């Protein structure tokens, strides 16, 4: 797992806003964000700055590595599409 989600996290908007607030509080040296809270967030590798383009770049390489492993296992890059559950 990781803690490098964007400020506006579509899957959980409240969590994204909360993360953005933590980043702003640290940047502004807000006393609400105590050293203990900073340490707790550091312990789970919370990302204190979020760069959208940097994260997109990182994700591209992660997916590339998955494709390399797929090819090593299957001998080709013919990854089947994800099947949606049948409705009904």
N, C-alpha and C. Protein backbone atom coordinates (compact mmCIF):
# COMPACT_ATOMS: atom_id res chain seq x y z
N UNK A 1 0.80 -1.18 0.00
CA UNK A 1 0.00 0.00 0.00
C UNK A 1 0.86 1.26 0.00
N UNK A 2 0.22 2.35 -0.25
CA UNK A 2 0.92 3.63 -0.27
C UNK A 2 0.00 4.73 0.23
N UNK A 3 0.57 5.88 0.43
CA UNK A 3 -0.21 7.05 0.86
C UNK A 3 0.07 8.21 -0.07
N UNK A 4 0.11 7.95 -1.35
CA UNK A 4 0.41 9.01 -2.30
C UNK A 4 -0.80 9.32 -3.17
N UNK A 5 -1.96 9.51 -2.53
CA UNK A 5 -3.15 9.84 -3.28
C UNK A 5 -3.25 11.35 -3.45
N UNK A 6 -3.98 11.77 -4.47
CA UNK A 6 -4.09 13.21 -4.74
C UNK A 6 -4.97 13.93 -3.74
N UNK A 7 -4.89 15.25 -3.77
CA UNK A 7 -5.71 16.08 -2.88
C UNK A 7 -7.20 15.85 -3.14
N UNK A 8 -7.54 15.59 -4.37
CA UNK A 8 -8.94 15.34 -4.72
C UNK A 8 -9.05 13.89 -5.17
N UNK A 9 -9.29 13.03 -4.21
CA UNK A 9 -9.32 11.59 -4.41
C UNK A 9 -10.75 11.18 -4.73
N UNK A 10 -11.01 10.80 -5.97
CA UNK A 10 -12.36 10.52 -6.44
C UNK A 10 -13.04 9.41 -5.65
N UNK A 11 -12.30 8.39 -5.26
CA UNK A 11 -12.90 7.25 -4.57
C UNK A 11 -13.33 7.60 -3.15
N UNK A 12 -12.70 8.61 -2.56
CA UNK A 12 -13.05 9.00 -1.20
C UNK A 12 -12.73 10.48 -1.05
N UNK A 13 -13.67 11.32 -1.42
CA UNK A 13 -13.45 12.76 -1.46
C UNK A 13 -13.09 13.33 -0.08
N UNK A 14 -13.73 12.83 0.98
CA UNK A 14 -13.43 13.34 2.33
C UNK A 14 -11.99 13.04 2.70
N UNK A 15 -11.52 11.85 2.35
CA UNK A 15 -10.14 11.49 2.66
C UNK A 15 -9.17 12.37 1.88
N UNK A 16 -9.47 12.63 0.63
CA UNK A 16 -8.62 13.50 -0.19
C UNK A 16 -8.54 14.91 0.38
N UNK A 17 -9.68 15.44 0.79
CA UNK A 17 -9.69 16.79 1.39
C UNK A 17 -8.90 16.80 2.70
N UNK A 18 -9.06 15.73 3.49
CA UNK A 18 -8.32 15.64 4.75
C UNK A 18 -6.81 15.60 4.49
N UNK A 19 -6.39 14.82 3.50
CA UNK A 19 -4.97 14.75 3.16
C UNK A 19 -4.45 16.12 2.72
N UNK A 20 -5.26 16.81 1.92
CA UNK A 20 -4.86 18.15 1.47
C UNK A 20 -4.69 19.07 2.68
N UNK A 21 -5.60 18.97 3.64
CA UNK A 21 -5.52 19.80 4.84
C UNK A 21 -4.24 19.50 5.62
N UNK A 22 -3.87 18.23 5.73
CA UNK A 22 -2.64 17.89 6.45
C UNK A 22 -1.42 18.51 5.77
N UNK A 23 -1.42 18.44 4.45
CA UNK A 23 -0.31 19.03 3.68
C UNK A 23 -0.25 20.54 3.89
N UNK A 24 -1.40 21.19 3.87
CA UNK A 24 -1.45 22.64 4.07
C UNK A 24 -1.02 23.01 5.48
N UNK A 25 -1.48 22.25 6.47
CA UNK A 25 -1.10 22.53 7.85
C UNK A 25 0.41 22.40 8.04
N UNK A 26 1.00 21.41 7.44
CA UNK A 26 2.46 21.25 7.58
C UNK A 26 3.18 22.39 6.88
N UNK A 27 2.74 22.71 5.69
CA UNK A 27 3.38 23.79 4.92
C UNK A 27 3.30 25.11 5.66
N UNK A 28 2.19 25.33 6.39
CA UNK A 28 1.98 26.59 7.12
C UNK A 28 2.39 26.51 8.59
N UNK A 29 3.04 25.42 8.98
CA UNK A 29 3.44 25.22 10.37
C UNK A 29 2.28 25.41 11.34
N UNK A 30 1.12 24.92 10.98
CA UNK A 30 -0.07 25.02 11.81
C UNK A 30 0.11 24.17 13.07
N UNK A 31 -0.09 24.76 14.25
CA UNK A 31 0.10 24.00 15.50
C UNK A 31 -0.88 22.85 15.68
N UNK A 32 -1.96 22.82 14.93
CA UNK A 32 -2.91 21.70 15.00
C UNK A 32 -2.22 20.40 14.58
N UNK A 33 -1.31 20.50 13.62
CA UNK A 33 -0.58 19.33 13.17
C UNK A 33 0.67 19.18 14.05
N UNK A 34 0.50 18.43 15.12
CA UNK A 34 1.57 18.27 16.11
C UNK A 34 2.67 17.36 15.58
N UNK A 35 3.80 17.37 16.29
CA UNK A 35 4.91 16.48 15.93
C UNK A 35 4.47 15.01 15.98
N UNK A 36 3.62 14.67 16.96
CA UNK A 36 3.13 13.29 17.05
C UNK A 36 2.31 12.92 15.81
N UNK A 37 1.48 13.84 15.35
CA UNK A 37 0.68 13.57 14.15
C UNK A 37 1.56 13.46 12.92
N UNK A 38 2.55 14.33 12.83
CA UNK A 38 3.50 14.26 11.70
C UNK A 38 4.21 12.92 11.72
N UNK A 39 4.64 12.48 12.89
CA UNK A 39 5.34 11.21 13.03
C UNK A 39 4.43 10.04 12.62
N UNK A 40 3.17 10.09 13.03
CA UNK A 40 2.23 9.04 12.64
C UNK A 40 2.08 8.96 11.12
N UNK A 41 1.94 10.12 10.49
CA UNK A 41 1.81 10.15 9.04
C UNK A 41 3.11 9.72 8.35
N UNK A 42 4.24 10.14 8.89
CA UNK A 42 5.53 9.70 8.35
C UNK A 42 5.67 8.18 8.44
N UNK A 43 5.18 7.60 9.54
CA UNK A 43 5.31 6.16 9.75
C UNK A 43 4.56 5.34 8.70
N UNK A 44 3.53 5.92 8.09
CA UNK A 44 2.82 5.21 7.03
C UNK A 44 3.20 5.73 5.65
N UNK A 45 4.31 6.46 5.59
CA UNK A 45 4.86 6.99 4.33
C UNK A 45 3.89 7.93 3.62
N UNK A 46 3.24 8.79 4.40
CA UNK A 46 2.35 9.79 3.84
C UNK A 46 3.17 10.72 2.95
N UNK A 47 2.66 11.00 1.77
CA UNK A 47 3.36 11.88 0.83
C UNK A 47 2.98 13.32 1.13
N UNK A 48 3.95 14.12 1.58
CA UNK A 48 3.67 15.49 2.03
C UNK A 48 3.46 16.46 0.88
N UNK A 49 3.92 16.13 -0.29
CA UNK A 49 3.62 16.96 -1.46
C UNK A 49 3.13 16.02 -2.54
N UNK A 50 2.21 16.50 -3.32
CA UNK A 50 1.65 15.67 -4.37
C UNK A 50 1.81 16.37 -5.70
N UNK A 51 2.55 15.74 -6.58
CA UNK A 51 2.78 16.26 -7.91
C UNK A 51 2.07 15.33 -8.89
N UNK A 52 0.97 15.79 -9.45
CA UNK A 52 0.14 14.97 -10.33
C UNK A 52 0.94 14.38 -11.48
N UNK A 53 1.74 15.19 -12.15
CA UNK A 53 2.51 14.69 -13.30
C UNK A 53 3.55 13.67 -12.87
N UNK A 54 4.16 13.90 -11.74
CA UNK A 54 5.15 12.95 -11.22
C UNK A 54 4.48 11.60 -10.91
N UNK A 55 3.29 11.64 -10.34
CA UNK A 55 2.57 10.41 -10.02
C UNK A 55 2.14 9.68 -11.29
N UNK A 56 1.72 10.42 -12.31
CA UNK A 56 1.36 9.80 -13.58
C UNK A 56 2.58 9.10 -14.20
N UNK A 57 3.72 9.73 -14.12
CA UNK A 57 4.96 9.16 -14.64
C UNK A 57 5.30 7.88 -13.89
N UNK A 58 5.20 7.92 -12.59
CA UNK A 58 5.50 6.75 -11.77
C UNK A 58 4.54 5.61 -12.11
N UNK A 59 3.26 5.93 -12.26
CA UNK A 59 2.26 4.91 -12.59
C UNK A 59 2.56 4.28 -13.94
N UNK A 60 3.02 5.06 -14.91
CA UNK A 60 3.34 4.52 -16.22
C UNK A 60 4.42 3.44 -16.09
N UNK A 61 5.47 3.72 -15.34
CA UNK A 61 6.55 2.76 -15.17
C UNK A 61 6.10 1.53 -14.39
N UNK A 62 5.20 1.72 -13.42
CA UNK A 62 4.66 0.57 -12.69
C UNK A 62 3.90 -0.35 -13.64
N UNK A 63 3.09 0.23 -14.50
CA UNK A 63 2.33 -0.57 -15.45
C UNK A 63 3.25 -1.22 -16.48
N UNK A 64 4.28 -0.52 -16.89
CA UNK A 64 5.25 -1.10 -17.82
C UNK A 64 5.90 -2.33 -17.19
N UNK A 65 6.29 -2.23 -15.92
CA UNK A 65 6.90 -3.38 -15.24
C UNK A 65 5.93 -4.55 -15.16
N UNK A 66 4.66 -4.28 -14.95
CA UNK A 66 3.65 -5.34 -14.93
C UNK A 66 3.57 -6.01 -16.30
N UNK A 67 3.64 -5.21 -17.36
CA UNK A 67 3.60 -5.76 -18.70
C UNK A 67 4.82 -6.64 -18.97
N UNK A 68 5.98 -6.20 -18.52
CA UNK A 68 7.20 -7.00 -18.68
C UNK A 68 7.03 -8.35 -17.98
N UNK A 69 6.50 -8.33 -16.75
CA UNK A 69 6.28 -9.60 -16.02
C UNK A 69 5.25 -10.47 -16.72
N UNK A 70 4.21 -9.85 -17.28
CA UNK A 70 3.20 -10.60 -18.02
C UNK A 70 3.85 -11.30 -19.22
N UNK A 71 4.67 -10.56 -19.93
CA UNK A 71 5.33 -11.14 -21.11
C UNK A 71 6.27 -12.27 -20.72
N UNK A 72 7.00 -12.11 -19.62
CA UNK A 72 7.87 -13.18 -19.15
C UNK A 72 7.08 -14.45 -18.83
N UNK A 73 5.90 -14.27 -18.27
CA UNK A 73 5.07 -15.40 -17.87
C UNK A 73 4.34 -16.05 -19.06
N UNK A 74 3.82 -15.21 -19.99
CA UNK A 74 2.96 -15.71 -21.06
C UNK A 74 3.63 -15.72 -22.43
N UNK A 75 4.79 -15.09 -22.56
CA UNK A 75 5.51 -15.10 -23.84
C UNK A 75 5.03 -14.07 -24.85
N UNK A 76 4.06 -13.27 -24.49
CA UNK A 76 3.56 -12.22 -25.39
C UNK A 76 2.99 -11.06 -24.57
N UNK A 77 2.53 -10.05 -25.28
CA UNK A 77 1.92 -8.88 -24.62
C UNK A 77 0.44 -8.79 -24.95
N UNK A 78 -0.18 -9.92 -25.22
CA UNK A 78 -1.60 -9.96 -25.58
C UNK A 78 -2.45 -10.04 -24.31
N UNK A 79 -2.42 -8.97 -23.54
CA UNK A 79 -3.14 -8.92 -22.27
C UNK A 79 -4.64 -8.84 -22.58
N UNK A 80 -5.41 -9.79 -22.03
CA UNK A 80 -6.84 -9.75 -22.32
C UNK A 80 -7.51 -8.57 -21.61
N UNK A 81 -8.58 -8.05 -22.21
CA UNK A 81 -9.28 -6.94 -21.55
C UNK A 81 -9.97 -7.43 -20.28
N UNK A 82 -10.20 -6.50 -19.38
CA UNK A 82 -10.89 -6.82 -18.14
C UNK A 82 -12.35 -7.10 -18.50
N UNK A 83 -12.85 -8.21 -17.99
CA UNK A 83 -14.24 -8.55 -18.26
C UNK A 83 -15.13 -7.96 -17.18
N UNK A 84 -16.18 -7.29 -17.61
CA UNK A 84 -17.15 -6.74 -16.66
C UNK A 84 -18.09 -7.86 -16.26
N UNK A 85 -18.55 -7.81 -15.02
CA UNK A 85 -19.51 -8.79 -14.55
C UNK A 85 -20.79 -8.68 -15.39
N UNK A 86 -21.34 -9.82 -15.69
CA UNK A 86 -22.57 -9.81 -16.46
C UNK A 86 -23.70 -9.21 -15.62
N UNK A 87 -24.45 -8.34 -16.26
CA UNK A 87 -25.58 -7.73 -15.56
C UNK A 87 -26.79 -8.60 -15.76
N UNK A 88 -27.62 -8.69 -14.74
CA UNK A 88 -28.81 -9.45 -14.95
C UNK A 88 -29.27 -10.08 -13.72
